[in-house]
């Protein structure tokens, strides 16, 4: 199967996950780029940032139109993550491939466990500036280091730490992810990492289009059921990557 067809299929599947879950689907982009399209971990994490940035901007416009983005809160949260995203993005391009693979496998496993936990439906009602800053910095570091959006981390933080409702947290997380991803990309711009645009461009386009279908899919299947299935798939992928890196 040609690289173009693989990119389109993988992008569409990941887009379906993104649209159906409202976050977390992009964590599969890096393994798909590595094992299906034969990117190196450094190339895959950089390409993942491109995919995450463009997909998040597209989704953000829809949430903004619906009034589900807390702009001041989201920008403050994102600002806390810019410096960690830049530092982590620059560091990731210089680390051994096995280290990046193991780190990604661990984060993917944590994301899966988080998805399997019962969701918090009520906001805390209290904003803790110290915890908000720490959460924003941590999310920025994860985004910059591993090339994932981190929606599975951002949404719980925005609900539990900043007191947003779930609907506004999902929309606001896209703003945070976009800012962090762009900052990490800027840090990697001088690293010399080559991007195969003939693969990355169709992959991104398919992910964006797939996200729209994912929204309709979640209504038919049920968001919680879809999330559980995705979490188990993600656990399997994390286990495979960890074994591959250590053998």
C-alpha atoms as a PDB file:
ATOM      1  CA  UNK A   1       0.000   0.000   0.000  1.00  0.00           C
ATOM      2  CA  UNK A   2       1.404   3.404  -0.972  1.00  0.00           C
ATOM      3  CA  UNK A   3       2.426   5.994   1.601  1.00  0.00           C
ATOM      4  CA  UNK A   4      -0.264   8.381   0.345  1.00  0.00           C
ATOM      5  CA  UNK A   5      -3.080   5.867   0.876  1.00  0.00           C
ATOM      6  CA  UNK A   6      -1.732   4.918   4.307  1.00  0.00           C
ATOM      7  CA  UNK A   7      -1.548   8.600   5.261  1.00  0.00           C
ATOM      8  CA  UNK A   8      -5.132   9.198   4.166  1.00  0.00           C
ATOM      9  CA  UNK A   9      -6.480   6.139   5.986  1.00  0.00           C
ATOM     10  CA  UNK A  10      -4.521   6.799   9.187  1.00  0.00           C
ATOM     11  CA  UNK A  11      -5.450  10.480   9.155  1.00  0.00           C
ATOM     12  CA  UNK A  12      -9.140   9.677   8.688  1.00  0.00           C
ATOM     13  CA  UNK A  13      -9.146   7.179  11.578  1.00  0.00           C
ATOM     14  CA  UNK A  14      -7.397   9.616  13.902  1.00  0.00           C
ATOM     15  CA  UNK A  15      -9.755  12.386  12.805  1.00  0.00           C
ATOM     16  CA  UNK A  16     -12.716  10.160  13.659  1.00  0.00           C
ATOM     17  CA  UNK A  17     -11.253   9.610  17.108  1.00  0.00           C
ATOM     18  CA  UNK A  18     -10.631  13.332  17.607  1.00  0.00           C
ATOM     19  CA  UNK A  19     -14.120  14.286  16.530  1.00  0.00           C
ATOM     20  CA  UNK A  20     -15.808  11.481  18.433  1.00  0.00           C
ATOM     21  CA  UNK A  21     -13.896  11.895  21.692  1.00  0.00           C
ATOM     22  CA  UNK A  22     -13.425  15.665  21.776  1.00  0.00           C
ATOM     23  CA  UNK A  23      -9.743  15.229  22.580  1.00  0.00           C
ATOM     24  CA  UNK A  24      -7.114  12.531  22.974  1.00  0.00           C
ATOM     25  CA  UNK A  25      -7.294  11.107  19.469  1.00  0.00           C
ATOM     26  CA  UNK A  26      -4.132  12.867  18.336  1.00  0.00           C
ATOM     27  CA  UNK A  27      -2.074  10.643  20.627  1.00  0.00           C
ATOM     28  CA  UNK A  28      -2.366   7.928  17.945  1.00  0.00           C
ATOM     29  CA  UNK A  29      -0.841  10.150  15.249  1.00  0.00           C
ATOM     30  CA  UNK A  30       2.756   9.612  16.365  1.00  0.00           C
ATOM     31  CA  UNK A  31       2.589   5.766  16.475  1.00  0.00           C
ATOM     32  CA  UNK A  32       0.858   5.784  13.064  1.00  0.00           C
ATOM     33  CA  UNK A  33       3.626   7.937  11.591  1.00  0.00           C
ATOM     34  CA  UNK A  34       6.337   5.720  13.081  1.00  0.00           C
ATOM     35  CA  UNK A  35       4.999   2.223  12.407  1.00  0.00           C
ATOM     36  CA  UNK A  36       2.879   2.722   9.286  1.00  0.00           C
ATOM     37  CA  UNK A  37       4.738   5.502   7.498  1.00  0.00           C
ATOM     38  CA  UNK A  38       8.266   4.793   8.820  1.00  0.00           C
ATOM     39  CA  UNK A  39       9.037   8.199  10.292  1.00  0.00           C
ATOM     40  CA  UNK A  40      11.743   8.397  12.935  1.00  0.00           C
ATOM     41  CA  UNK A  41      10.452   9.326  16.424  1.00  0.00           C
ATOM     42  CA  UNK A  42      11.890  12.846  16.037  1.00  0.00           C
ATOM     43  CA  UNK A  43      10.209  13.284  12.634  1.00  0.00           C
ATOM     44  CA  UNK A  44       6.940  11.797  13.915  1.00  0.00           C
ATOM     45  CA  UNK A  45       6.701  14.052  16.971  1.00  0.00           C
ATOM     46  CA  UNK A  46       7.421  17.144  14.851  1.00  0.00           C
ATOM     47  CA  UNK A  47       4.877  16.080  12.225  1.00  0.00           C
ATOM     48  CA  UNK A  48       2.454  15.357  15.060  1.00  0.00           C
ATOM     49  CA  UNK A  49       2.705  18.981  16.147  1.00  0.00           C
ATOM     50  CA  UNK A  50       1.803  20.144  12.636  1.00  0.00           C
ATOM     51  CA  UNK A  51      -1.205  17.807  12.543  1.00  0.00           C
ATOM     52  CA  UNK A  52      -2.327  18.790  16.040  1.00  0.00           C
ATOM     53  CA  UNK A  53      -1.942  22.533  15.367  1.00  0.00           C
ATOM     54  CA  UNK A  54      -3.979  22.587  12.168  1.00  0.00           C
ATOM     55  CA  UNK A  55      -6.654  20.178  13.413  1.00  0.00           C
ATOM     56  CA  UNK A  56      -7.030  22.104  16.679  1.00  0.00           C
ATOM     57  CA  UNK A  57      -7.365  25.463  14.898  1.00  0.00           C
ATOM     58  CA  UNK A  58     -10.086  24.022  12.677  1.00  0.00           C
ATOM     59  CA  UNK A  59     -11.995  22.576  15.631  1.00  0.00           C
ATOM     60  CA  UNK A  60     -11.458  25.760  17.670  1.00  0.00           C
ATOM     61  CA  UNK A  61     -13.335  27.896  15.153  1.00  0.00           C
ATOM     62  CA  UNK A  62     -16.462  25.769  15.553  1.00  0.00           C
ATOM     63  CA  UNK A  63     -16.354  25.893  19.350  1.00  0.00           C
ATOM     64  CA  UNK A  64     -15.709  29.650  19.262  1.00  0.00           C
ATOM     65  CA  UNK A  65     -18.798  30.183  17.113  1.00  0.00           C
ATOM     66  CA  UNK A  66     -20.844  28.294  19.708  1.00  0.00           C
ATOM     67  CA  UNK A  67     -19.433  30.455  22.532  1.00  0.00           C
ATOM     68  CA  UNK A  68     -17.649  27.529  24.194  1.00  0.00           C
ATOM     69  CA  UNK A  69     -14.185  29.096  24.505  1.00  0.00           C
ATOM     70  CA  UNK A  70     -13.154  30.947  27.684  1.00  0.00           C
ATOM     71  CA  UNK A  71     -10.624  33.204  25.964  1.00  0.00           C
ATOM     72  CA  UNK A  72      -9.006  35.023  28.948  1.00  0.00           C
ATOM     73  CA  UNK A  73      -8.779  31.830  31.015  1.00  0.00           C
ATOM     74  CA  UNK A  74      -7.472  29.795  28.087  1.00  0.00           C
ATOM     75  CA  UNK A  75      -4.846  32.360  27.131  1.00  0.00           C
ATOM     76  CA  UNK A  76      -3.543  32.583  30.712  1.00  0.00           C
ATOM     77  CA  UNK A  77      -3.390  28.784  30.915  1.00  0.00           C
ATOM     78  CA  UNK A  78      -1.614  28.636  27.552  1.00  0.00           C
ATOM     79  CA  UNK A  79       0.919  31.325  28.480  1.00  0.00           C
ATOM     80  CA  UNK A  80       2.093  29.173  31.386  1.00  0.00           C
ATOM     81  CA  UNK A  81       2.890  26.404  28.913  1.00  0.00           C
ATOM     82  CA  UNK A  82       4.735  28.358  26.212  1.00  0.00           C
ATOM     83  CA  UNK A  83       8.219  28.325  27.787  1.00  0.00           C
ATOM     84  CA  UNK A  84       8.027  24.624  28.822  1.00  0.00           C
ATOM     85  CA  UNK A  85       6.761  23.771  25.311  1.00  0.00           C
ATOM     86  CA  UNK A  86       9.687  25.595  23.689  1.00  0.00           C
ATOM     87  CA  UNK A  87      12.276  24.008  26.009  1.00  0.00           C
ATOM     88  CA  UNK A  88      10.804  20.506  25.692  1.00  0.00           C
ATOM     89  CA  UNK A  89      10.443  20.860  21.923  1.00  0.00           C
ATOM     90  CA  UNK A  90      14.094  21.816  21.536  1.00  0.00           C
ATOM     91  CA  UNK A  91      15.237  19.011  23.867  1.00  0.00           C
ATOM     92  CA  UNK A  92      13.183  16.310  22.149  1.00  0.00           C
ATOM     93  CA  UNK A  93      14.936  16.829  18.820  1.00  0.00           C
ATOM     94  CA  UNK A  94      18.266  15.966  20.475  1.00  0.00           C
ATOM     95  CA  UNK A  95      17.320  12.854  22.464  1.00  0.00           C
ATOM     96  CA  UNK A  96      17.877   9.217  21.428  1.00  0.00           C
ATOM     97  CA  UNK A  97      14.965   7.654  19.566  1.00  0.00           C
ATOM     98  CA  UNK A  98      14.484   4.946  22.203  1.00  0.00           C
ATOM     99  CA  UNK A  99      13.992   7.570  24.933  1.00  0.00           C
ATOM    100  CA  UNK A 100      11.308   9.347  22.920  1.00  0.00           C
ATOM    101  CA  UNK A 101       9.540   6.064  22.182  1.00  0.00           C
ATOM    102  CA  UNK A 102       9.495   4.957  25.831  1.00  0.00           C
ATOM    103  CA  UNK A 103       8.317   8.389  26.993  1.00  0.00           C
ATOM    104  CA  UNK A 104       5.549   8.396  24.431  1.00  0.00           C
ATOM    105  CA  UNK A 105       4.439   4.882  25.407  1.00  0.00           C
ATOM    106  CA  UNK A 106       4.175   5.936  29.064  1.00  0.00           C
ATOM    107  CA  UNK A 107       2.137   9.057  28.231  1.00  0.00           C
ATOM    108  CA  UNK A 108      -0.125   7.039  25.914  1.00  0.00           C
ATOM    109  CA  UNK A 109      -0.774   4.519  28.692  1.00  0.00           C
ATOM    110  CA  UNK A 110      -1.583   7.317  31.144  1.00  0.00           C
ATOM    111  CA  UNK A 111      -3.951   8.827  28.584  1.00  0.00           C
ATOM    112  CA  UNK A 112      -5.738   5.484  28.226  1.00  0.00           C
ATOM    113  CA  UNK A 113      -6.104   5.078  31.986  1.00  0.00           C
ATOM    114  CA  UNK A 114      -7.442   8.615  32.237  1.00  0.00           C
ATOM    115  CA  UNK A 115     -10.052   7.863  29.570  1.00  0.00           C
ATOM    116  CA  UNK A 116     -11.233   4.764  31.410  1.00  0.00           C
ATOM    117  CA  UNK A 117     -11.874   6.707  34.619  1.00  0.00           C
ATOM    118  CA  UNK A 118     -15.399   8.079  35.190  1.00  0.00           C
ATOM    119  CA  UNK A 119     -15.582  11.690  33.934  1.00  0.00           C
ATOM    120  CA  UNK A 120     -16.014  14.600  36.298  1.00  0.00           C
ATOM    121  CA  UNK A 121     -19.252  16.317  35.428  1.00  0.00           C
ATOM    122  CA  UNK A 122     -19.192  19.143  37.958  1.00  0.00           C
ATOM    123  CA  UNK A 123     -16.593  21.911  38.067  1.00  0.00           C
ATOM    124  CA  UNK A 124     -14.878  22.653  41.349  1.00  0.00           C
ATOM    125  CA  UNK A 125     -15.987  26.307  41.285  1.00  0.00           C
ATOM    126  CA  UNK A 126     -12.634  27.537  42.564  1.00  0.00           C
ATOM    127  CA  UNK A 127      -9.648  28.714  40.550  1.00  0.00           C
ATOM    128  CA  UNK A 128      -6.239  28.040  42.109  1.00  0.00           C
ATOM    129  CA  UNK A 129      -3.640  30.208  40.324  1.00  0.00           C
ATOM    130  CA  UNK A 130      -0.672  28.125  41.499  1.00  0.00           C
ATOM    131  CA  UNK A 131      -2.193  24.851  40.343  1.00  0.00           C
ATOM    132  CA  UNK A 132      -3.399  26.459  37.134  1.00  0.00           C
ATOM    133  CA  UNK A 133       0.137  27.618  36.335  1.00  0.00           C
ATOM    134  CA  UNK A 134       1.614  24.205  37.160  1.00  0.00           C
ATOM    135  CA  UNK A 135      -1.008  22.414  35.066  1.00  0.00           C
ATOM    136  CA  UNK A 136      -0.454  24.774  32.123  1.00  0.00           C
ATOM    137  CA  UNK A 137       3.324  24.325  32.327  1.00  0.00           C
ATOM    138  CA  UNK A 138       3.020  20.543  32.514  1.00  0.00           C
ATOM    139  CA  UNK A 139       0.733  20.414  29.504  1.00  0.00           C
ATOM    140  CA  UNK A 140       3.105  22.646  27.535  1.00  0.00           C
ATOM    141  CA  UNK A 141       6.037  20.356  28.321  1.00  0.00           C
ATOM    142  CA  UNK A 142       4.124  17.240  27.222  1.00  0.00           C
ATOM    143  CA  UNK A 143       3.002  18.937  23.997  1.00  0.00           C
ATOM    144  CA  UNK A 144       6.487  20.143  23.133  1.00  0.00           C
ATOM    145  CA  UNK A 145       8.266  16.913  24.067  1.00  0.00           C
ATOM    146  CA  UNK A 146       5.995  14.332  22.474  1.00  0.00           C
ATOM    147  CA  UNK A 147       4.133  16.204  19.748  1.00  0.00           C
ATOM    148  CA  UNK A 148       0.664  15.416  21.114  1.00  0.00           C
ATOM    149  CA  UNK A 149      -2.117  17.863  21.813  1.00  0.00           C
ATOM    150  CA  UNK A 150      -2.728  16.724  25.358  1.00  0.00           C
ATOM    151  CA  UNK A 151      -6.493  17.155  25.338  1.00  0.00           C
ATOM    152  CA  UNK A 152      -6.720  14.203  27.703  1.00  0.00           C
ATOM    153  CA  UNK A 153      -4.730  16.304  30.204  1.00  0.00           C
ATOM    154  CA  UNK A 154      -6.049  19.776  29.390  1.00  0.00           C
ATOM    155  CA  UNK A 155      -9.768  19.074  29.774  1.00  0.00           C
ATOM    156  CA  UNK A 156      -9.576  17.581  33.305  1.00  0.00           C
ATOM    157  CA  UNK A 157      -7.259  20.428  34.379  1.00  0.00           C
ATOM    158  CA  UNK A 158      -9.572  23.114  33.020  1.00  0.00           C
ATOM    159  CA  UNK A 159     -12.543  21.518  34.804  1.00  0.00           C
ATOM    160  CA  UNK A 160     -10.900  20.616  38.103  1.00  0.00           C
ATOM    161  CA  UNK A 161      -8.401  23.468  38.493  1.00  0.00           C
ATOM    162  CA  UNK A 162     -10.043  26.383  36.681  1.00  0.00           C
ATOM    163  CA  UNK A 163     -13.677  25.475  37.355  1.00  0.00           C
ATOM    164  CA  UNK A 164     -14.922  25.466  33.758  1.00  0.00           C
ATOM    165  CA  UNK A 165     -17.910  23.419  32.685  1.00  0.00           C
ATOM    166  CA  UNK A 166     -17.081  20.356  30.572  1.00  0.00           C
ATOM    167  CA  UNK A 167     -18.396  21.937  27.365  1.00  0.00           C
ATOM    168  CA  UNK A 168     -16.305  25.101  27.808  1.00  0.00           C
ATOM    169  CA  UNK A 169     -13.281  23.066  28.913  1.00  0.00           C
ATOM    170  CA  UNK A 170     -13.288  21.097  25.655  1.00  0.00           C
ATOM    171  CA  UNK A 171     -13.464  24.292  23.583  1.00  0.00           C
ATOM    172  CA  UNK A 172     -10.876  26.115  25.680  1.00  0.00           C
ATOM    173  CA  UNK A 173      -8.481  23.155  25.603  1.00  0.00           C
ATOM    174  CA  UNK A 174      -8.267  23.550  21.818  1.00  0.00           C
ATOM    175  CA  UNK A 175      -7.016  27.118  22.309  1.00  0.00           C
ATOM    176  CA  UNK A 176      -4.394  25.949  24.808  1.00  0.00           C
ATOM    177  CA  UNK A 177      -3.288  23.076  22.575  1.00  0.00           C
ATOM    178  CA  UNK A 178      -2.978  25.353  19.539  1.00  0.00           C
ATOM    179  CA  UNK A 179      -0.765  27.863  21.372  1.00  0.00           C
ATOM    180  CA  UNK A 180       1.461  25.153  22.880  1.00  0.00           C
ATOM    181  CA  UNK A 181       1.802  23.275  19.595  1.00  0.00           C
ATOM    182  CA  UNK A 182       2.820  26.403  17.691  1.00  0.00           C
ATOM    183  CA  UNK A 183       5.368  27.278  20.391  1.00  0.00           C
ATOM    184  CA  UNK A 184       6.870  23.784  20.239  1.00  0.00           C
ATOM    185  CA  UNK A 185       7.005  23.918  16.445  1.00  0.00           C
ATOM    186  CA  UNK A 186       8.871  27.219  16.621  1.00  0.00           C
ATOM    187  CA  UNK A 187      11.420  25.625  18.961  1.00  0.00           C
ATOM    188  CA  UNK A 188      11.975  22.749  16.520  1.00  0.00           C
ATOM    189  CA  UNK A 189      12.241  24.930  13.428  1.00  0.00           C
ATOM    190  CA  UNK A 190      16.035  25.076  13.625  1.00  0.00           C
ATOM    191  CA  UNK A 191      16.612  21.456  14.615  1.00  0.00           C
ATOM    192  CA  UNK A 192      17.073  20.239  11.048  1.00  0.00           C
ATOM    193  CA  UNK A 193      14.283  17.662  11.315  1.00  0.00           C
ATOM    194  CA  UNK A 194      12.991  16.862   7.842  1.00  0.00           C
ATOM    195  CA  UNK A 195       9.241  16.673   7.263  1.00  0.00           C
ATOM    196  CA  UNK A 196       7.802  14.600   4.424  1.00  0.00           C
ATOM    197  CA  UNK A 197       5.132  17.073   3.350  1.00  0.00           C
ATOM    198  CA  UNK A 198       3.823  14.726   0.665  1.00  0.00           C
ATOM    199  CA  UNK A 199       2.708  12.496   3.554  1.00  0.00           C
ATOM    200  CA  UNK A 200       2.037  15.044   6.323  1.00  0.00           C
ATOM    201  CA  UNK A 201      -0.269  17.246   4.209  1.00  0.00           C
ATOM    202  CA  UNK A 202      -2.753  14.520   3.172  1.00  0.00           C
ATOM    203  CA  UNK A 203      -2.575  12.997   6.659  1.00  0.00           C
ATOM    204  CA  UNK A 204      -3.590  16.345   8.165  1.00  0.00           C
ATOM    205  CA  UNK A 205      -6.320  16.979   5.611  1.00  0.00           C
ATOM    206  CA  UNK A 206      -7.842  13.528   6.220  1.00  0.00           C
ATOM    207  CA  UNK A 207      -7.721  14.087  10.008  1.00  0.00           C
ATOM    208  CA  UNK A 208      -9.548  17.412   9.697  1.00  0.00           C
ATOM    209  CA  UNK A 209     -12.256  15.919   7.481  1.00  0.00           C
ATOM    210  CA  UNK A 210     -12.540  12.815   9.657  1.00  0.00           C
ATOM    211  CA  UNK A 211     -13.114  14.934  12.750  1.00  0.00           C
ATOM    212  CA  UNK A 212     -16.433  16.162  11.350  1.00  0.00           C
ATOM    213  CA  UNK A 213     -17.638  12.592  10.827  1.00  0.00           C
ATOM    214  CA  UNK A 214     -16.405  11.698  14.300  1.00  0.00           C
ATOM    215  CA  UNK A 215     -18.902  14.085  15.869  1.00  0.00           C
ATOM    216  CA  UNK A 216     -21.771  12.294  14.149  1.00  0.00           C
ATOM    217  CA  UNK A 217     -20.305   8.881  15.055  1.00  0.00           C
ATOM    218  CA  UNK A 218     -20.221   9.753  18.760  1.00  0.00           C
ATOM    219  CA  UNK A 219     -23.939  10.565  18.681  1.00  0.00           C
ATOM    220  CA  UNK A 220     -24.786   7.163  17.193  1.00  0.00           C
ATOM    221  CA  UNK A 221     -22.506   4.988  19.320  1.00  0.00           C
ATOM    222  CA  UNK A 222     -22.297   7.063  22.477  1.00  0.00           C
ATOM    223  CA  UNK A 223     -19.289   9.106  23.498  1.00  0.00           C
ATOM    224  CA  UNK A 224     -18.499   7.067  26.602  1.00  0.00           C
ATOM    225  CA  UNK A 225     -18.590   3.720  24.782  1.00  0.00           C
ATOM    226  CA  UNK A 226     -16.413   5.089  21.985  1.00  0.00           C
ATOM    227  CA  UNK A 227     -13.943   6.456  24.517  1.00  0.00           C
ATOM    228  CA  UNK A 228     -13.636   3.080  26.274  1.00  0.00           C
ATOM    229  CA  UNK A 229     -12.918   1.266  23.008  1.00  0.00           C
ATOM    230  CA  UNK A 230     -10.332   3.879  22.066  1.00  0.00           C
ATOM    231  CA  UNK A 231      -8.685   3.642  25.509  1.00  0.00           C
ATOM    232  CA  UNK A 232      -8.135  -0.123  25.168  1.00  0.00           C
ATOM    233  CA  UNK A 233      -6.696   0.340  21.672  1.00  0.00           C
ATOM    234  CA  UNK A 234      -4.379   3.002  23.059  1.00  0.00           C
ATOM    235  CA  UNK A 235      -3.223   0.682  25.857  1.00  0.00           C
ATOM    236  CA  UNK A 236      -2.356  -1.970  23.282  1.00  0.00           C
ATOM    237  CA  UNK A 237      -0.419   0.572  21.191  1.00  0.00           C
ATOM    238  CA  UNK A 238       1.472   1.794  24.292  1.00  0.00           C
ATOM    239  CA  UNK A 239       2.416  -1.772  25.237  1.00  0.00           C
ATOM    240  CA  UNK A 240       3.631  -2.505  21.690  1.00  0.00           C
ATOM    241  CA  UNK A 241       5.759   0.667  21.600  1.00  0.00           C
ATOM    242  CA  UNK A 242       7.284  -0.068  24.992  1.00  0.00           C
ATOM    243  CA  UNK A 243       8.232  -3.635  24.023  1.00  0.00           C
ATOM    244  CA  UNK A 244       9.619  -2.402  20.694  1.00  0.00           C
ATOM    245  CA  UNK A 245      11.771   0.235  22.391  1.00  0.00           C
ATOM    246  CA  UNK A 246      13.170  -2.112  25.038  1.00  0.00           C
ATOM    247  CA  UNK A 247      13.968  -5.091  22.794  1.00  0.00           C
END
